[in-house]
C-alpha atoms as a PDB file:
ATOM      1  CA  MET A   1     169.177 304.255 145.442  1.00  0.00           C
ATOM      2  CA  SER A   2     170.758 303.329 142.122  1.00  0.00           C
ATOM      3  CA  HIS A   3     172.689 300.076 142.171  1.00  0.00           C
ATOM      4  CA  ALA A   4     174.502 300.720 138.869  1.00  0.00           C
ATOM      5  CA  ILE A   5     177.943 301.264 140.409  1.00  0.00           C
ATOM      6  CA  TYR A   6     177.542 298.108 142.505  1.00  0.00           C
ATOM      7  CA  ASP A   7     176.486 296.078 139.458  1.00  0.00           C
ATOM      8  CA  ALA A   8     179.627 297.357 137.679  1.00  0.00           C
ATOM      9  CA  TRP A   9     181.642 296.522 140.833  1.00  0.00           C
ATOM     10  CA  VAL A  10     180.393 292.914 140.760  1.00  0.00           C
ATOM     11  CA  GLN A  11     181.461 292.666 137.119  1.00  0.00           C
ATOM     12  CA  LEU A  12     184.899 294.139 137.938  1.00  0.00           C
ATOM     13  CA  MET A  13     185.367 291.637 140.792  1.00  0.00           C
ATOM     14  CA  GLY A  14     184.592 288.834 138.337  1.00  0.00           C
ATOM     15  CA  TRP A  15     187.286 290.132 135.991  1.00  0.00           C
ATOM     16  CA  LEU A  16     189.746 290.324 138.899  1.00  0.00           C
ATOM     17  CA  GLU A  17     188.985 286.710 139.829  1.00  0.00           C
ATOM     18  CA  GLU A  18     189.496 285.702 136.201  1.00  0.00           C
ATOM     19  CA  TYR A  19     192.833 287.542 136.024  1.00  0.00           C
ATOM     20  CA  ALA A  20     193.959 285.895 139.270  1.00  0.00           C
ATOM     21  CA  ALA A  21     193.123 282.439 137.918  1.00  0.00           C
ATOM     22  CA  GLU A  22     194.967 283.108 134.639  1.00  0.00           C
ATOM     23  CA  HIS A  23     198.132 284.330 136.398  1.00  0.00           C
ATOM     24  CA  ASP A  24     198.230 281.960 139.380  1.00  0.00           C
ATOM     25  CA  LEU A  25     197.429 284.763 141.829  1.00  0.00           C
ATOM     26  CA  VAL A  26     195.292 284.884 144.960  1.00  0.00           C
ATOM     27  CA  PHE A  27     192.009 286.828 144.861  1.00  0.00           C
ATOM     28  CA  ASP A  28     190.962 287.788 148.410  1.00  0.00           C
ATOM     29  CA  ARG A  29     187.913 289.502 149.819  1.00  0.00           C
ATOM     30  CA  GLU A  30     189.436 292.001 152.250  1.00  0.00           C
ATOM     31  CA  ALA A  31     186.380 293.782 153.665  1.00  0.00           C
ATOM     32  CA  ASP A  32     182.601 293.873 153.634  1.00  0.00           C
ATOM     33  CA  PHE A  33     180.489 297.017 153.810  1.00  0.00           C
ATOM     34  CA  PRO A  34     180.069 298.206 157.410  1.00  0.00           C
ATOM     35  CA  GLU A  35     176.399 298.761 156.547  1.00  0.00           C
ATOM     36  CA  PHE A  36     176.128 295.029 155.780  1.00  0.00           C
ATOM     37  CA  ILE A  37     177.886 293.991 158.963  1.00  0.00           C
ATOM     38  CA  TYR A  38     175.782 296.239 161.219  1.00  0.00           C
ATOM     39  CA  ARG A  39     172.440 296.081 159.431  1.00  0.00           C
ATOM     40  CA  MET A  40     170.830 294.101 162.262  1.00  0.00           C
ATOM     41  CA  HIS A  41     168.809 291.681 160.094  1.00  0.00           C
ATOM     42  CA  LYS A  42     167.516 294.378 157.771  1.00  0.00           C
ATOM     43  CA  PRO A  43     167.186 293.391 154.106  1.00  0.00           C
ATOM     44  CA  TRP A  44     170.308 293.930 151.969  1.00  0.00           C
ATOM     45  CA  GLU A  45     169.526 295.571 148.634  1.00  0.00           C
ATOM     46  CA  LEU A  46     172.919 295.578 146.903  1.00  0.00           C
ATOM     47  CA  PRO A  47     174.176 292.767 144.625  1.00  0.00           C
ATOM     48  CA  THR A  48     177.206 292.176 146.886  1.00  0.00           C
ATOM     49  CA  ARG A  49     178.376 292.728 150.433  1.00  0.00           C
ATOM     50  CA  THR A  50     182.049 292.971 149.405  1.00  0.00           C
ATOM     51  CA  MET A  51     183.620 296.428 149.618  1.00  0.00           C
ATOM     52  CA  THR A  52     187.347 295.680 149.155  1.00  0.00           C
ATOM     53  CA  VAL A  53     189.262 292.939 147.317  1.00  0.00           C
ATOM     54  CA  SER A  54     192.920 292.310 146.559  1.00  0.00           C
ATOM     55  CA  LEU A  55     195.256 290.357 144.313  1.00  0.00           C
ATOM     56  CA  SER A  56     198.532 288.876 145.510  1.00  0.00           C
ATOM     57  CA  ARG A  57     200.919 286.020 145.047  1.00  0.00           C
ATOM     58  CA  ALA A  58     200.458 283.190 147.541  1.00  0.00           C
ATOM     59  CA  ASN A  59     201.748 284.150 151.013  1.00  0.00           C
ATOM     60  CA  ASP A  60     202.634 287.672 149.885  1.00  0.00           C
ATOM     61  CA  GLU A  61     201.386 291.222 150.332  1.00  0.00           C
ATOM     62  CA  PRO A  62     198.697 292.392 147.887  1.00  0.00           C
ATOM     63  CA  PHE A  63     200.034 294.099 144.792  1.00  0.00           C
ATOM     64  CA  PHE A  64     196.583 295.373 143.806  1.00  0.00           C
ATOM     65  CA  VAL A  65     193.652 296.545 145.922  1.00  0.00           C
ATOM     66  CA  ALA A  66     190.230 297.539 144.629  1.00  0.00           C
ATOM     67  CA  SER A  67     187.361 298.998 146.616  1.00  0.00           C
ATOM     68  CA  VAL A  68     184.004 300.608 146.058  1.00  0.00           C
ATOM     69  CA  SER A  69     182.355 303.451 147.954  1.00  0.00           C
ATOM     70  CA  GLN A  70     179.965 302.665 150.755  1.00  0.00           C
ATOM     71  CA  PRO A  71     176.237 302.983 150.026  1.00  0.00           C
ATOM     72  CA  SER A  72     176.071 305.963 152.398  1.00  0.00           C
ATOM     73  CA  ASP A  73     178.742 307.903 150.449  1.00  0.00           C
ATOM     74  CA  GLU A  74     177.414 310.759 148.356  1.00  0.00           C
ATOM     75  CA  GLN A  75     180.073 310.609 145.596  1.00  0.00           C
ATOM     76  CA  LYS A  76     180.391 306.933 144.677  1.00  0.00           C
ATOM     77  CA  HIS A  77     183.449 305.562 142.882  1.00  0.00           C
ATOM     78  CA  VAL A  78     185.689 302.534 142.534  1.00  0.00           C
ATOM     79  CA  SER A  79     189.272 302.913 143.709  1.00  0.00           C
ATOM     80  CA  LEU A  80     192.057 300.857 142.117  1.00  0.00           C
ATOM     81  CA  ARG A  81     195.452 300.910 143.831  1.00  0.00           C
ATOM     82  CA  SER A  82     198.808 299.264 143.447  1.00  0.00           C
ATOM     83  CA  PRO A  83     200.522 300.126 146.742  1.00  0.00           C
ATOM     84  CA  GLY A  84     204.047 298.965 145.895  1.00  0.00           C
ATOM     85  CA  ALA A  85     204.034 300.627 142.497  1.00  0.00           C
ATOM     86  CA  HIS A  86     202.336 303.829 143.726  1.00  0.00           C
ATOM     87  CA  LEU A  87     199.621 303.590 141.077  1.00  0.00           C
ATOM     88  CA  HIS A  88     196.102 304.814 141.815  1.00  0.00           C
ATOM     89  CA  TRP A  89     193.014 305.194 139.646  1.00  0.00           C
ATOM     90  CA  HIS A  90     189.409 306.223 140.296  1.00  0.00           C
ATOM     91  CA  ALA A  91     186.492 305.036 138.205  1.00  0.00           C
ATOM     92  CA  HIS A  92     182.903 306.254 138.216  1.00  0.00           C
ATOM     93  CA  GLU A  93     179.754 304.602 136.932  1.00  0.00           C
ATOM     94  CA  HIS A  94     178.858 305.664 133.418  1.00  0.00           C
ATOM     95  CA  GLY A  95     176.285 304.048 131.167  1.00  0.00           C
ATOM     96  CA  GLY A  96     176.112 300.831 133.166  1.00  0.00           C
ATOM     97  CA  GLY A  97     179.887 300.389 133.303  1.00  0.00           C
ATOM     98  CA  LEU A  98     182.883 302.101 134.815  1.00  0.00           C
ATOM     99  CA  GLU A  99     184.826 305.018 133.414  1.00  0.00           C
ATOM    100  CA  LEU A 100     188.291 306.221 134.438  1.00  0.00           C
ATOM    101  CA  SER A 101     189.282 309.876 134.552  1.00  0.00           C
ATOM    102  CA  GLY A 102     189.397 311.422 131.105  1.00  0.00           C
ATOM    103  CA  GLY A 103     186.401 309.405 129.889  1.00  0.00           C
ATOM    104  CA  ILE A 104     188.359 306.170 129.404  1.00  0.00           C
ATOM    105  CA  LYS A 105     186.052 303.168 129.579  1.00  0.00           C
ATOM    106  CA  LEU A 106     187.199 300.583 132.121  1.00  0.00           C
ATOM    107  CA  ASP A 107     186.469 297.327 130.350  1.00  0.00           C
ATOM    108  CA  LYS A 108     188.078 293.928 130.877  1.00  0.00           C
ATOM    109  CA  THR A 109     190.882 294.619 128.377  1.00  0.00           C
ATOM    110  CA  LYS A 110     191.780 297.948 129.997  1.00  0.00           C
ATOM    111  CA  LEU A 111     191.630 296.434 133.503  1.00  0.00           C
ATOM    112  CA  PHE A 112     193.921 293.559 132.501  1.00  0.00           C
ATOM    113  CA  ALA A 113     196.384 296.073 131.011  1.00  0.00           C
ATOM    114  CA  LEU A 114     196.353 298.053 134.282  1.00  0.00           C
ATOM    115  CA  LEU A 115     196.863 294.827 136.232  1.00  0.00           C
ATOM    116  CA  ASP A 116     199.774 293.796 133.991  1.00  0.00           C
ATOM    117  CA  GLN A 117     201.389 297.204 134.553  1.00  0.00           C
ATOM    118  CA  ALA A 118     200.789 297.059 138.323  1.00  0.00           C
ATOM    119  CA  ARG A 119     202.156 293.521 138.556  1.00  0.00           C
ATOM    120  CA  ARG A 120     205.297 294.399 136.534  1.00  0.00           C
ATOM    121  CA  ASP A 121     205.929 297.563 138.569  1.00  0.00           C
ATOM    122  CA  TRP A 122     205.300 295.745 141.847  1.00  0.00           C
ATOM    123  CA  MET A 123     207.602 292.856 140.951  1.00  0.00           C
ATOM    124  CA  THR A 124     210.464 295.241 140.095  1.00  0.00           C
ATOM    125  CA  ALA A 125     209.883 297.200 143.341  1.00  0.00           C
ATOM    126  CA  VAL A 126     210.033 294.086 145.549  1.00  0.00           C
END
């Protein structure tokens, strides 16, 4: 099994943590892979056990949720959602990184721009 999407996922989670620190937000691990939870002491091959993370203000609902496909899924992707702003993106592994629909590379700069948009839209919706 290729771990490329999970390596890119670990990098994306690092960027999300960095964004949270810069904007006084809370970065939370929301869910682990069910395969990790129920593996019954079998070795874990992926670079993380985290499947879903979120960003929020302290004591508030998440304004941004990111998740990655389970190892058992055939079509693997990263999902980026801003529930209050009704924004949703999918990214797929490409060349060791992530790529949004239309071939747009999801790098740190692009992610931060998406987060700024989601945060603005969420704050005006609340």
